[in-house]
Amino acid sequence: MTTPMHATTATTEGTSARPTLPRSRSGKARGREERSLGASVLLHTTMLLATAIAAFPVVWILFISLGPKNAWQQPGEVLKNLSFHNYVEVLVHSDLPKWFLNTVIVAAGTTLLGVFLAATAGYAVSRMKFPGGRQLMWTFLVTQMFPSIVLIVPLYLLMAELQLLDNYLGLILAYATTAVPFCAWMMKGYFDTIPREIDEAGRVDGLTPFGTFWRLIVPLAKPGLAVTAFYSFLTAWGEVAYATQFMQSGHYTLAVGIRTFAQDQRPDWAWTSATAIIITIPAAIVFMLVQRSLVSGLTAGGTKS
């Protein structure tokens, strides 16, 4: 029985179009670079060692916080007296709830202000051409070269003139000076990866520049906004220097209030360790909420400048 010409041709072409994978001597296709057993063991051992070194301080503080008052001197007593007594004590008999509320207010305000300013500034520099736009971004970058401790004195004098000392707004603005420059630079790079045709489509539909930004660009920039929000939140959540100088005892944040448990005369390490664990919980929750967007946001924001 003879095979039709077109069927033979199609079969031949289909066979020739299939990509051929390079094969090793054993006849198996190479999907990716293979590591030897020794290299694989060394790699995983190094990763486990690095993980253990990074996690040990947190695990140790958690371990001490679950023991009695003298657990830091006698760690063996912790296993015999495991309890949440220190957490109950610090929540009931200290100003921790007030410090926690102060920190939440400052961190939330810094996050909202940092995201808004960084997103709008990054979008303006990415899409609009105006004199000094490039110099503005370099100014943002240069400000990151100065340590925060150098800015305490000028910021303190400025806030004293504006009567913003011992005020939530003053501390939020101080943290914004640290968070916004880096976040604006990163958001500008992220907006550069979004096609300009989307902006043109918005203008064709009659949207204003802000309408285009809010309704079309912001939904596409969620990974970058997540990184901006996370960085702004961490800037305010665990900062000590600005909060110590600009706020009084009634407005202490957690990072400052925890220092009162470690006085020179009688440090209370049980309360200190319990408070340290409490401080890390909100930061860990925020990280878990934005972790999916962190990698894509950081890599996309670093592709262009």
C-alpha atoms as a PDB file:
ATOM      1  CA  MET A   1       0.000   0.000   0.000  1.00  0.00           C
ATOM      2  CA  THR A   2       1.544   3.300  -1.034  1.00  0.00           C
ATOM      3  CA  THR A   3       1.672   6.310   1.257  1.00  0.00           C
ATOM      4  CA  PRO A   4       0.340   9.619  -0.119  1.00  0.00           C
ATOM      5  CA  MET A   5       3.004  12.177  -0.989  1.00  0.00           C
ATOM      6  CA  HIS A   6       1.625  14.933   1.252  1.00  0.00           C
ATOM      7  CA  ALA A   7       1.405  12.605   4.271  1.00  0.00           C
ATOM      8  CA  THR A   8       5.012  11.552   3.809  1.00  0.00           C
ATOM      9  CA  THR A   9       6.117  15.163   3.468  1.00  0.00           C
ATOM     10  CA  ALA A  10       4.165  16.224   6.584  1.00  0.00           C
ATOM     11  CA  THR A  11       5.616  13.342   8.552  1.00  0.00           C
ATOM     12  CA  THR A  12       9.122  14.215   7.431  1.00  0.00           C
ATOM     13  CA  GLU A  13       8.667  17.903   8.242  1.00  0.00           C
ATOM     14  CA  GLY A  14       7.121  17.120  11.648  1.00  0.00           C
ATOM     15  CA  THR A  15      10.013  14.872  12.487  1.00  0.00           C
ATOM     16  CA  SER A  16      12.622  17.401  11.401  1.00  0.00           C
ATOM     17  CA  ALA A  17      10.914  20.220  13.333  1.00  0.00           C
ATOM     18  CA  ARG A  18      11.261  18.481  16.675  1.00  0.00           C
ATOM     19  CA  PRO A  19      14.158  19.910  18.695  1.00  0.00           C
ATOM     20  CA  THR A  20      16.789  17.409  19.670  1.00  0.00           C
ATOM     21  CA  LEU A  21      18.232  17.625  23.159  1.00  0.00           C
ATOM     22  CA  PRO A  22      21.933  16.973  23.658  1.00  0.00           C
ATOM     23  CA  ARG A  23      22.487  13.633  25.278  1.00  0.00           C
ATOM     24  CA  SER A  24      25.233  12.557  27.599  1.00  0.00           C
ATOM     25  CA  ARG A  25      27.232   9.357  27.187  1.00  0.00           C
ATOM     26  CA  SER A  26      24.701   7.484  29.290  1.00  0.00           C
ATOM     27  CA  GLY A  27      21.972   8.423  26.813  1.00  0.00           C
ATOM     28  CA  LYS A  28      20.025  10.780  29.174  1.00  0.00           C
ATOM     29  CA  ALA A  29      19.037  14.285  28.087  1.00  0.00           C
ATOM     30  CA  ARG A  30      20.744  17.119  29.963  1.00  0.00           C
ATOM     31  CA  GLY A  31      18.021  19.327  31.409  1.00  0.00           C
ATOM     32  CA  ARG A  32      20.348  21.420  33.576  1.00  0.00           C
ATOM     33  CA  GLU A  33      23.904  21.396  34.796  1.00  0.00           C
ATOM     34  CA  GLU A  34      24.541  18.425  37.017  1.00  0.00           C
ATOM     35  CA  ARG A  35      26.419  18.707  40.313  1.00  0.00           C
ATOM     36  CA  SER A  36      28.527  16.006  41.809  1.00  0.00           C
ATOM     37  CA  LEU A  37      27.486  14.388  45.077  1.00  0.00           C
ATOM     38  CA  GLY A  38      30.301  16.107  46.980  1.00  0.00           C
ATOM     39  CA  ALA A  39      29.373  19.557  45.624  1.00  0.00           C
ATOM     40  CA  SER A  40      25.721  19.008  46.472  1.00  0.00           C
ATOM     41  CA  VAL A  41      26.530  17.928  50.034  1.00  0.00           C
ATOM     42  CA  LEU A  42      28.849  20.924  50.503  1.00  0.00           C
ATOM     43  CA  LEU A  43      26.223  23.328  49.160  1.00  0.00           C
ATOM     44  CA  HIS A  44      23.437  22.051  51.391  1.00  0.00           C
ATOM     45  CA  THR A  45      25.733  21.920  54.422  1.00  0.00           C
ATOM     46  CA  THR A  46      26.715  25.546  53.882  1.00  0.00           C
ATOM     47  CA  MET A  47      23.069  26.599  53.520  1.00  0.00           C
ATOM     48  CA  LEU A  48      22.065  24.741  56.686  1.00  0.00           C
ATOM     49  CA  LEU A  49      24.968  26.282  58.598  1.00  0.00           C
ATOM     50  CA  ALA A  50      24.078  29.796  57.425  1.00  0.00           C
ATOM     51  CA  THR A  51      20.427  29.226  58.362  1.00  0.00           C
ATOM     52  CA  ALA A  52      21.393  27.987  61.815  1.00  0.00           C
ATOM     53  CA  ILE A  53      23.660  31.003  62.421  1.00  0.00           C
ATOM     54  CA  ALA A  54      20.915  33.425  61.340  1.00  0.00           C
ATOM     55  CA  ALA A  55      18.141  31.715  63.327  1.00  0.00           C
ATOM     56  CA  PHE A  56      20.074  31.005  66.535  1.00  0.00           C
ATOM     57  CA  PRO A  57      19.741  34.492  68.142  1.00  0.00           C
ATOM     58  CA  VAL A  58      15.964  34.567  67.563  1.00  0.00           C
ATOM     59  CA  VAL A  59      15.491  30.995  68.803  1.00  0.00           C
ATOM     60  CA  TRP A  60      17.642  31.693  71.867  1.00  0.00           C
ATOM     61  CA  ILE A  61      15.671  34.824  72.811  1.00  0.00           C
ATOM     62  CA  LEU A  62      12.412  32.899  72.366  1.00  0.00           C
ATOM     63  CA  PHE A  63      13.803  30.118  74.548  1.00  0.00           C
ATOM     64  CA  ILE A  64      14.823  32.535  77.315  1.00  0.00           C
ATOM     65  CA  SER A  65      11.489  34.378  77.178  1.00  0.00           C
ATOM     66  CA  LEU A  66       9.623  31.158  78.059  1.00  0.00           C
ATOM     67  CA  GLY A  67      11.606  30.566  81.241  1.00  0.00           C
ATOM     68  CA  PRO A  68      11.807  32.118  84.723  1.00  0.00           C
ATOM     69  CA  LYS A  69      13.448  35.436  85.604  1.00  0.00           C
ATOM     70  CA  ASN A  70      16.916  33.914  85.922  1.00  0.00           C
ATOM     71  CA  ALA A  71      16.694  31.899  82.706  1.00  0.00           C
ATOM     72  CA  TRP A  72      19.476  33.886  81.087  1.00  0.00           C
ATOM     73  CA  GLN A  73      21.819  32.753  83.883  1.00  0.00           C
ATOM     74  CA  GLN A  74      20.490  29.191  84.149  1.00  0.00           C
ATOM     75  CA  PRO A  75      19.159  28.078  80.744  1.00  0.00           C
ATOM     76  CA  GLY A  76      18.641  24.562  82.060  1.00  0.00           C
ATOM     77  CA  GLU A  77      15.746  25.814  84.216  1.00  0.00           C
ATOM     78  CA  VAL A  78      13.732  26.847  81.157  1.00  0.00           C
ATOM     79  CA  LEU A  79      12.681  23.322  80.206  1.00  0.00           C
ATOM     80  CA  LYS A  80      11.455  22.717  83.764  1.00  0.00           C
ATOM     81  CA  ASN A  81       9.392  25.929  83.880  1.00  0.00           C
ATOM     82  CA  LEU A  82       8.080  26.532  80.370  1.00  0.00           C
ATOM     83  CA  SER A  83       5.318  29.145  80.445  1.00  0.00           C
ATOM     84  CA  PHE A  84       4.098  32.436  78.980  1.00  0.00           C
ATOM     85  CA  HIS A  85       4.406  34.157  82.357  1.00  0.00           C
ATOM     86  CA  ASN A  86       6.837  36.797  81.070  1.00  0.00           C
ATOM     87  CA  TYR A  87       4.504  37.729  78.205  1.00  0.00           C
ATOM     88  CA  VAL A  88       1.550  38.125  80.567  1.00  0.00           C
ATOM     89  CA  GLU A  89       3.631  40.206  82.969  1.00  0.00           C
ATOM     90  CA  VAL A  90       4.962  42.557  80.329  1.00  0.00           C
ATOM     91  CA  LEU A  91       1.522  43.041  78.756  1.00  0.00           C
ATOM     92  CA  VAL A  92      -0.252  43.688  82.057  1.00  0.00           C
ATOM     93  CA  HIS A  93       2.329  45.434  84.247  1.00  0.00           C
ATOM     94  CA  SER A  94       4.180  47.656  81.764  1.00  0.00           C
ATOM     95  CA  ASP A  95       3.446  50.333  79.189  1.00  0.00           C
ATOM     96  CA  LEU A  96       3.897  47.867  76.331  1.00  0.00           C
ATOM     97  CA  PRO A  97       0.306  48.237  75.005  1.00  0.00           C
ATOM     98  CA  LYS A  98       0.771  52.029  74.808  1.00  0.00           C
ATOM     99  CA  TRP A  99       4.156  51.640  73.096  1.00  0.00           C
ATOM    100  CA  PHE A 100       2.661  49.147  70.665  1.00  0.00           C
ATOM    101  CA  LEU A 101      -0.136  51.557  69.730  1.00  0.00           C
ATOM    102  CA  ASN A 102       2.355  54.404  69.252  1.00  0.00           C
ATOM    103  CA  THR A 103       4.490  52.223  67.003  1.00  0.00           C
ATOM    104  CA  VAL A 104       1.510  51.093  64.929  1.00  0.00           C
ATOM    105  CA  ILE A 105       0.427  54.710  64.371  1.00  0.00           C
ATOM    106  CA  VAL A 106       3.904  55.831  63.348  1.00  0.00           C
ATOM    107  CA  ALA A 107       4.603  52.776  61.169  1.00  0.00           C
ATOM    108  CA  ALA A 108       1.235  52.979  59.413  1.00  0.00           C
ATOM    109  CA  GLY A 109       1.641  56.703  58.777  1.00  0.00           C
ATOM    110  CA  THR A 110       5.175  56.226  57.455  1.00  0.00           C
ATOM    111  CA  THR A 111       4.051  53.388  55.191  1.00  0.00           C
ATOM    112  CA  LEU A 112       1.161  55.347  53.682  1.00  0.00           C
ATOM    113  CA  LEU A 113       3.191  58.527  53.223  1.00  0.00           C
ATOM    114  CA  GLY A 114       6.227  56.667  51.904  1.00  0.00           C
ATOM    115  CA  VAL A 115       4.234  54.666  49.349  1.00  0.00           C
ATOM    116  CA  PHE A 116       2.324  57.734  48.125  1.00  0.00           C
ATOM    117  CA  LEU A 117       5.360  60.011  47.763  1.00  0.00           C
ATOM    118  CA  ALA A 118       7.645  57.340  46.307  1.00  0.00           C
ATOM    119  CA  ALA A 119       5.052  56.148  43.783  1.00  0.00           C
ATOM    120  CA  THR A 120       4.065  59.613  42.571  1.00  0.00           C
ATOM    121  CA  ALA A 121       7.663  60.863  42.422  1.00  0.00           C
ATOM    122  CA  GLY A 122       8.878  57.726  40.639  1.00  0.00           C
ATOM    123  CA  TYR A 123       6.024  57.883  38.120  1.00  0.00           C
ATOM    124  CA  ALA A 124       6.601  61.586  37.423  1.00  0.00           C
ATOM    125  CA  VAL A 125      10.305  61.100  36.727  1.00  0.00           C
ATOM    126  CA  SER A 126       9.658  57.966  34.663  1.00  0.00           C
ATOM    127  CA  ARG A 127       6.945  59.418  32.424  1.00  0.00           C
ATOM    128  CA  MET A 128       7.344  63.189  32.431  1.00  0.00           C
ATOM    129  CA  LYS A 129      10.254  65.180  31.085  1.00  0.00           C
ATOM    130  CA  PHE A 130      11.011  68.284  33.119  1.00  0.00           C
ATOM    131  CA  PRO A 131      14.161  70.273  33.945  1.00  0.00           C
ATOM    132  CA  GLY A 132      16.075  68.734  36.827  1.00  0.00           C
ATOM    133  CA  GLY A 133      14.304  65.379  36.731  1.00  0.00           C
ATOM    134  CA  ARG A 134      17.491  63.336  36.435  1.00  0.00           C
ATOM    135  CA  GLN A 135      19.243  65.520  38.997  1.00  0.00           C
ATOM    136  CA  LEU A 136      16.328  64.910  41.354  1.00  0.00           C
ATOM    137  CA  MET A 137      16.861  61.155  41.208  1.00  0.00           C
ATOM    138  CA  TRP A 138      20.587  61.551  41.817  1.00  0.00           C
ATOM    139  CA  THR A 139      19.752  63.737  44.807  1.00  0.00           C
ATOM    140  CA  PHE A 140      17.584  60.942  46.155  1.00  0.00           C
ATOM    141  CA  LEU A 141      20.478  58.531  45.723  1.00  0.00           C
ATOM    142  CA  VAL A 142      23.053  60.825  47.351  1.00  0.00           C
ATOM    143  CA  THR A 143      20.896  61.305  50.443  1.00  0.00           C
ATOM    144  CA  GLN A 144      21.179  57.575  51.123  1.00  0.00           C
ATOM    145  CA  MET A 145      24.933  57.987  51.575  1.00  0.00           C
ATOM    146  CA  PHE A 146      24.493  59.888  54.835  1.00  0.00           C
ATOM    147  CA  PRO A 147      23.893  57.863  58.013  1.00  0.00           C
ATOM    148  CA  SER A 148      20.717  58.737  59.854  1.00  0.00           C
ATOM    149  CA  ILE A 149      22.626  59.802  62.949  1.00  0.00           C
ATOM    150  CA  VAL A 150      24.114  62.742  60.999  1.00  0.00           C
ATOM    151  CA  LEU A 151      20.638  64.113  60.279  1.00  0.00           C
ATOM    152  CA  ILE A 152      19.384  64.071  63.873  1.00  0.00           C
ATOM    153  CA  VAL A 153      20.618  67.551  64.809  1.00  0.00           C
ATOM    154  CA  PRO A 154      19.291  69.430  61.729  1.00  0.00           C
ATOM    155  CA  LEU A 155      15.997  67.522  61.879  1.00  0.00           C
ATOM    156  CA  TYR A 156      15.680  68.244  65.601  1.00  0.00           C
ATOM    157  CA  LEU A 157      16.206  71.970  65.070  1.00  0.00           C
ATOM    158  CA  LEU A 158      13.755  72.006  62.168  1.00  0.00           C
ATOM    159  CA  MET A 159      11.072  70.163  64.146  1.00  0.00           C
ATOM    160  CA  ALA A 160      11.600  72.443  67.129  1.00  0.00           C
ATOM    161  CA  GLU A 161      10.891  75.437  64.882  1.00  0.00           C
ATOM    162  CA  LEU A 162       7.780  73.737  63.483  1.00  0.00           C
ATOM    163  CA  GLN A 163       6.662  72.553  66.950  1.00  0.00           C
ATOM    164  CA  LEU A 164       6.655  68.927  65.832  1.00  0.00           C
ATOM    165  CA  LEU A 165       8.720  67.474  68.680  1.00  0.00           C
ATOM    166  CA  ASP A 166       6.984  64.742  70.684  1.00  0.00           C
ATOM    167  CA  ASN A 167       4.442  64.503  67.873  1.00  0.00           C
ATOM    168  CA  TYR A 168       3.443  61.572  65.692  1.00  0.00           C
ATOM    169  CA  LEU A 169       3.525  63.688  62.528  1.00  0.00           C
ATOM    170  CA  GLY A 170       7.052  64.898  63.233  1.00  0.00           C
ATOM    171  CA  LEU A 171       8.385  61.348  63.652  1.00  0.00           C
ATOM    172  CA  ILE A 172       6.546  60.168  60.527  1.00  0.00           C
ATOM    173  CA  LEU A 173       8.101  62.977  58.482  1.00  0.00           C
ATOM    174  CA  ALA A 174      11.531  62.136  59.898  1.00  0.00           C
ATOM    175  CA  TYR A 175      11.174  58.507  58.851  1.00  0.00           C
ATOM    176  CA  ALA A 176       9.930  59.591  55.425  1.00  0.00           C
ATOM    177  CA  THR A 177      13.236  61.377  54.831  1.00  0.00           C
ATOM    178  CA  THR A 178      14.904  57.966  55.094  1.00  0.00           C
ATOM    179  CA  ALA A 179      12.368  55.791  53.275  1.00  0.00           C
ATOM    180  CA  VAL A 180      11.187  57.972  50.369  1.00  0.00           C
ATOM    181  CA  PRO A 181      14.510  58.560  48.511  1.00  0.00           C
ATOM    182  CA  PHE A 182      15.339  54.860  48.135  1.00  0.00           C
ATOM    183  CA  CYS A 183      11.739  53.875  47.395  1.00  0.00           C
ATOM    184  CA  ALA A 184      11.307  56.631  44.791  1.00  0.00           C
ATOM    185  CA  TRP A 185      14.450  55.485  42.973  1.00  0.00           C
ATOM    186  CA  MET A 186      13.244  51.901  42.993  1.00  0.00           C
ATOM    187  CA  MET A 187       9.714  52.804  41.865  1.00  0.00           C
ATOM    188  CA  LYS A 188      11.099  54.866  38.992  1.00  0.00           C
ATOM    189  CA  GLY A 189      12.950  51.806  37.736  1.00  0.00           C
ATOM    190  CA  TYR A 190       9.817  49.692  38.106  1.00  0.00           C
ATOM    191  CA  PHE A 191       7.638  52.177  36.197  1.00  0.00           C
ATOM    192  CA  ASP A 192      10.213  52.144  33.388  1.00  0.00           C
ATOM    193  CA  THR A 193       9.377  48.477  32.818  1.00  0.00           C
ATOM    194  CA  ILE A 194       5.665  49.241  32.234  1.00  0.00           C
ATOM    195  CA  PRO A 195       4.991  50.025  28.525  1.00  0.00           C
ATOM    196  CA  ARG A 196       4.195  53.638  27.764  1.00  0.00           C
ATOM    197  CA  GLU A 197       1.453  52.490  25.412  1.00  0.00           C
ATOM    198  CA  ILE A 198      -0.715  51.946  28.505  1.00  0.00           C
ATOM    199  CA  ASP A 199      -0.466  55.656  29.325  1.00  0.00           C
ATOM    200  CA  GLU A 200      -1.303  56.563  25.759  1.00  0.00           C
ATOM    201  CA  ALA A 201      -4.363  54.276  25.854  1.00  0.00           C
ATOM    202  CA  GLY A 202      -5.524  56.023  29.015  1.00  0.00           C
ATOM    203  CA  ARG A 203      -5.217  59.442  27.394  1.00  0.00           C
ATOM    204  CA  VAL A 204      -7.172  58.204  24.376  1.00  0.00           C
ATOM    205  CA  ASP A 205      -9.952  57.110  26.740  1.00  0.00           C
ATOM    206  CA  GLY A 206     -10.049  60.604  28.241  1.00  0.00           C
ATOM    207  CA  LEU A 207      -8.233  59.932  31.525  1.00  0.00           C
ATOM    208  CA  THR A 208      -6.227  62.657  33.209  1.00  0.00           C
ATOM    209  CA  PRO A 209      -2.553  61.980  34.003  1.00  0.00           C
ATOM    210  CA  PHE A 210      -3.450  61.190  37.607  1.00  0.00           C
ATOM    211  CA  GLY A 211      -6.385  59.045  36.455  1.00  0.00           C
ATOM    212  CA  THR A 212      -4.056  57.091  34.187  1.00  0.00           C
ATOM    213  CA  PHE A 213      -1.620  56.644  37.049  1.00  0.00           C
ATOM    214  CA  TRP A 214      -4.264  55.580  39.576  1.00  0.00           C
ATOM    215  CA  ARG A 215      -6.496  53.380  37.415  1.00  0.00           C
ATOM    216  CA  LEU A 216      -4.016  51.814  34.992  1.00  0.00           C
ATOM    217  CA  ILE A 217      -0.453  52.017  36.304  1.00  0.00           C
ATOM    218  CA  VAL A 218      -0.935  51.398  40.034  1.00  0.00           C
ATOM    219  CA  PRO A 219      -2.627  47.973  39.542  1.00  0.00           C
ATOM    220  CA  LEU A 220       0.315  46.897  37.377  1.00  0.00           C
ATOM    221  CA  ALA A 221       2.867  48.162  39.891  1.00  0.00           C
ATOM    222  CA  LYS A 222       1.655  46.156  42.902  1.00  0.00           C
ATOM    223  CA  PRO A 223       4.939  44.210  43.322  1.00  0.00           C
ATOM    224  CA  GLY A 224       6.936  47.441  43.418  1.00  0.00           C
ATOM    225  CA  LEU A 225       4.432  49.048  45.784  1.00  0.00           C
ATOM    226  CA  ALA A 226       4.666  46.001  48.062  1.00  0.00           C
ATOM    227  CA  VAL A 227       8.440  46.410  48.349  1.00  0.00           C
ATOM    228  CA  THR A 228       8.007  50.131  49.006  1.00  0.00           C
ATOM    229  CA  ALA A 229       5.434  49.466  51.722  1.00  0.00           C
ATOM    230  CA  PHE A 230       7.607  46.792  53.354  1.00  0.00           C
ATOM    231  CA  TYR A 231      10.709  48.992  53.395  1.00  0.00           C
ATOM    232  CA  SER A 232       8.789  51.996  54.747  1.00  0.00           C
ATOM    233  CA  PHE A 233       7.185  49.852  57.441  1.00  0.00           C
ATOM    234  CA  LEU A 234      10.492  48.401  58.620  1.00  0.00           C
ATOM    235  CA  THR A 235      12.085  51.853  58.627  1.00  0.00           C
ATOM    236  CA  ALA A 236       9.590  53.006  61.244  1.00  0.00           C
ATOM    237  CA  TRP A 237       8.950  49.773  63.146  1.00  0.00           C
ATOM    238  CA  GLY A 238      12.381  49.065  64.563  1.00  0.00           C
ATOM    239  CA  GLU A 239      14.087  52.493  64.475  1.00  0.00           C
ATOM    240  CA  VAL A 240      15.603  53.765  67.728  1.00  0.00           C
ATOM    241  CA  ALA A 241      17.689  56.923  67.157  1.00  0.00           C
ATOM    242  CA  TYR A 242      14.982  59.283  65.849  1.00  0.00           C
ATOM    243  CA  ALA A 243      12.323  57.974  68.242  1.00  0.00           C
ATOM    244  CA  THR A 244      14.644  58.461  71.225  1.00  0.00           C
ATOM    245  CA  GLN A 245      15.438  62.086  70.381  1.00  0.00           C
ATOM    246  CA  PHE A 246      12.111  63.303  69.021  1.00  0.00           C
ATOM    247  CA  MET A 247       9.602  61.582  71.378  1.00  0.00           C
ATOM    248  CA  GLN A 248       9.021  61.773  75.129  1.00  0.00           C
ATOM    249  CA  SER A 249       8.070  58.910  77.448  1.00  0.00           C
ATOM    250  CA  GLY A 250       4.349  59.265  76.777  1.00  0.00           C
ATOM    251  CA  HIS A 251       4.918  58.645  73.056  1.00  0.00           C
ATOM    252  CA  TYR A 252       7.676  56.039  73.214  1.00  0.00           C
ATOM    253  CA  THR A 253       7.699  53.399  70.494  1.00  0.00           C
ATOM    254  CA  LEU A 254       8.446  49.729  71.131  1.00  0.00           C
ATOM    255  CA  ALA A 255      12.098  49.978  70.117  1.00  0.00           C
ATOM    256  CA  VAL A 256      12.635  52.785  72.632  1.00  0.00           C
ATOM    257  CA  GLY A 257      10.414  51.442  75.388  1.00  0.00           C
ATOM    258  CA  ILE A 258      12.227  48.116  75.508  1.00  0.00           C
ATOM    259  CA  ARG A 259      15.343  49.960  76.656  1.00  0.00           C
ATOM    260  CA  THR A 260      13.639  50.804  79.949  1.00  0.00           C
ATOM    261  CA  PHE A 261      13.725  47.106  80.856  1.00  0.00           C
ATOM    262  CA  ALA A 262      17.523  46.971  80.580  1.00  0.00           C
ATOM    263  CA  GLN A 263      18.667  49.622  83.034  1.00  0.00           C
ATOM    264  CA  ASP A 264      22.205  49.485  84.418  1.00  0.00           C
ATOM    265  CA  GLN A 265      21.145  48.885  88.026  1.00  0.00           C
ATOM    266  CA  ARG A 266      18.633  46.060  87.505  1.00  0.00           C
ATOM    267  CA  PRO A 267      18.123  44.799  83.948  1.00  0.00           C
ATOM    268  CA  ASP A 268      15.061  42.624  83.506  1.00  0.00           C
ATOM    269  CA  TRP A 269      16.092  40.227  80.756  1.00  0.00           C
ATOM    270  CA  ALA A 270      12.915  38.178  81.048  1.00  0.00           C
ATOM    271  CA  TRP A 271      10.721  41.132  80.112  1.00  0.00           C
ATOM    272  CA  THR A 272      13.249  42.300  77.530  1.00  0.00           C
ATOM    273  CA  SER A 273      13.319  38.958  75.721  1.00  0.00           C
ATOM    274  CA  ALA A 274       9.511  38.674  75.769  1.00  0.00           C
ATOM    275  CA  THR A 275       9.129  42.195  74.370  1.00  0.00           C
ATOM    276  CA  ALA A 276      11.715  41.479  71.678  1.00  0.00           C
ATOM    277  CA  ILE A 277       9.667  38.505  70.464  1.00  0.00           C
ATOM    278  CA  ILE A 278       6.476  40.589  70.497  1.00  0.00           C
ATOM    279  CA  ILE A 279       8.183  43.251  68.371  1.00  0.00           C
ATOM    280  CA  THR A 280       9.164  40.712  65.701  1.00  0.00           C
ATOM    281  CA  ILE A 281       5.650  39.278  65.258  1.00  0.00           C
ATOM    282  CA  PRO A 282       4.095  42.204  63.295  1.00  0.00           C
ATOM    283  CA  ALA A 283       7.200  42.508  61.101  1.00  0.00           C
ATOM    284  CA  ALA A 284       7.025  38.784  60.324  1.00  0.00           C
ATOM    285  CA  ILE A 285       3.319  39.071  59.480  1.00  0.00           C
ATOM    286  CA  VAL A 286       3.934  41.970  57.099  1.00  0.00           C
ATOM    287  CA  PHE A 287       6.754  40.036  55.455  1.00  0.00           C
ATOM    288  CA  MET A 288       4.542  37.004  54.888  1.00  0.00           C
ATOM    289  CA  LEU A 289       1.851  39.204  53.337  1.00  0.00           C
ATOM    290  CA  VAL A 290       4.214  40.749  50.764  1.00  0.00           C
ATOM    291  CA  GLN A 291       6.794  37.986  50.279  1.00  0.00           C
ATOM    292  CA  ARG A 292       5.367  36.920  46.905  1.00  0.00           C
ATOM    293  CA  SER A 293       5.839  40.420  45.548  1.00  0.00           C
ATOM    294  CA  LEU A 294       9.271  41.116  47.047  1.00  0.00           C
ATOM    295  CA  VAL A 295      11.400  39.238  44.508  1.00  0.00           C
ATOM    296  CA  SER A 296       9.548  40.460  41.416  1.00  0.00           C
ATOM    297  CA  GLY A 297       9.391  43.994  42.775  1.00  0.00           C
ATOM    298  CA  LEU A 298      13.091  44.206  43.571  1.00  0.00           C
ATOM    299  CA  THR A 299      14.286  42.585  40.329  1.00  0.00           C
ATOM    300  CA  ALA A 300      11.974  44.608  38.074  1.00  0.00           C
ATOM    301  CA  GLY A 301      12.903  47.829  39.820  1.00  0.00           C
ATOM    302  CA  GLY A 302      16.593  47.144  39.255  1.00  0.00           C
ATOM    303  CA  THR A 303      16.470  46.479  35.520  1.00  0.00           C
ATOM    304  CA  LYS A 304      16.419  50.131  34.476  1.00  0.00           C
ATOM    305  CA  SER A 305      17.478  53.420  35.971  1.00  0.00           C
END
